[in-house]
Protein backbone atom coordinates (compact mmCIF):
# COMPACT_ATOMS: atom_id res chain seq x y z
CA MET A 1 0.00 0.00 0.00
CA ASP A 2 2.86 2.37 0.76
CA ARG A 3 4.24 1.87 -2.74
CA VAL A 4 0.94 2.87 -4.31
CA LEU A 5 0.76 5.93 -2.06
CA ALA A 6 4.32 6.91 -2.97
CA PHE A 7 3.41 6.65 -6.65
CA ILE A 8 0.15 8.57 -6.27
CA LEU A 9 1.79 11.40 -4.31
CA GLY A 10 5.33 11.40 -5.69
CA VAL A 11 4.75 11.59 -9.42
CA PRO A 12 2.32 14.54 -9.34
CA LEU A 13 4.54 16.31 -6.77
CA GLY A 14 7.52 16.00 -9.10
CA PHE A 15 5.53 17.40 -12.00
CA LEU A 16 4.17 20.22 -9.85
CA ILE A 17 7.70 21.19 -8.82
CA MET A 18 8.69 21.36 -12.49
CA ILE A 19 5.56 23.26 -13.53
CA TYR A 20 5.63 25.83 -10.73
CA ARG A 21 9.40 26.39 -10.68
CA TYR A 22 8.93 30.11 -11.39
CA LYS A 23 6.75 30.58 -8.30
CA LEU A 24 9.11 28.43 -6.23
CA LYS A 25 12.02 30.59 -7.32
CA GLN A 26 10.12 33.72 -6.30
CA LEU A 27 9.43 32.11 -2.92
CA THR A 28 12.97 30.91 -2.25
CA GLY A 29 15.05 33.46 -4.16
CA ASP A 30 18.28 32.67 -5.96
CA VAL A 31 20.29 29.64 -4.93
CA ALA A 32 23.86 30.93 -5.18
CA TRP A 33 25.65 27.66 -5.88
CA ALA A 34 23.05 26.67 -8.49
CA GLU A 35 23.53 29.98 -10.29
CA GLN A 36 27.28 29.48 -10.16
CA TYR A 37 27.50 25.86 -11.26
CA LEU A 38 24.39 25.47 -13.43
CA GLY A 39 24.85 28.77 -15.25
CA SER A 40 22.36 31.52 -15.86
CA GLY A 41 18.93 30.43 -14.68
CA GLY A 42 20.53 27.79 -12.49
CA THR A 43 17.84 28.01 -9.83
CA TYR A 44 15.18 27.15 -12.40
CA ASN A 45 17.31 24.24 -13.61
CA LEU A 46 17.76 23.08 -10.03
CA PHE A 47 14.00 22.91 -9.52
CA ILE A 48 13.67 20.93 -12.75
CA LEU A 49 16.31 18.47 -11.54
CA ILE A 50 14.64 18.15 -8.13
CA GLY A 51 11.23 17.55 -9.73
CA LEU A 52 12.69 14.98 -12.10
CA ALA A 53 14.46 13.21 -9.22
CA VAL A 54 11.27 13.10 -7.13
CA THR A 55 9.32 11.67 -10.07
CA ILE A 56 11.91 9.03 -10.98
CA LEU A 57 12.57 7.98 -7.37
CA SER A 58 8.83 7.60 -6.66
CA ILE A 59 8.37 5.44 -9.74
CA MET A 60 11.40 3.36 -8.78
CA TYR A 61 10.09 2.93 -5.22
CA ALA A 62 6.64 1.97 -6.46
CA PHE A 63 8.01 -0.80 -8.66
CA GLY A 64 10.64 -1.99 -6.15
CA SER A 65 13.65 -0.94 -8.19
CA LEU A 66 14.86 1.55 -5.59
CA GLN A 67 15.00 -1.14 -2.91
CA ASP A 68 16.95 -3.45 -5.22
CA LEU A 69 19.35 -0.66 -6.13
CA ALA A 70 19.91 0.25 -2.48
CA ALA A 71 20.43 -3.38 -1.50
CA GLY A 72 22.93 -3.88 -4.32
CA THR A 73 24.97 -0.76 -3.69
CA ILE A 74 24.91 0.34 -0.06
CA GLY A 75 23.49 -2.90 1.32
CA VAL A 76 26.99 -4.39 1.18
CA PHE A 77 28.03 -2.12 4.05
CA PHE A 78 25.23 -3.32 6.35
CA ARG A 79 25.78 -7.09 6.21
């Protein structure tokens, strides 16, 4: 059930972050390191990357791929 809930909430949240990036930038202001490293408009690009990450990670969690990835990479350190 938690996987379905993560899919239902995560995917639209990721899209909403990407759609309303202009309003989010007005709310938060400039992110200095994003402007420096991502170039002009870096804060907008940062919100696109965050929205994309939220969307992809929620889809991966819903289908169980995130758990398999975590077990295969960092799970080695917890055995």
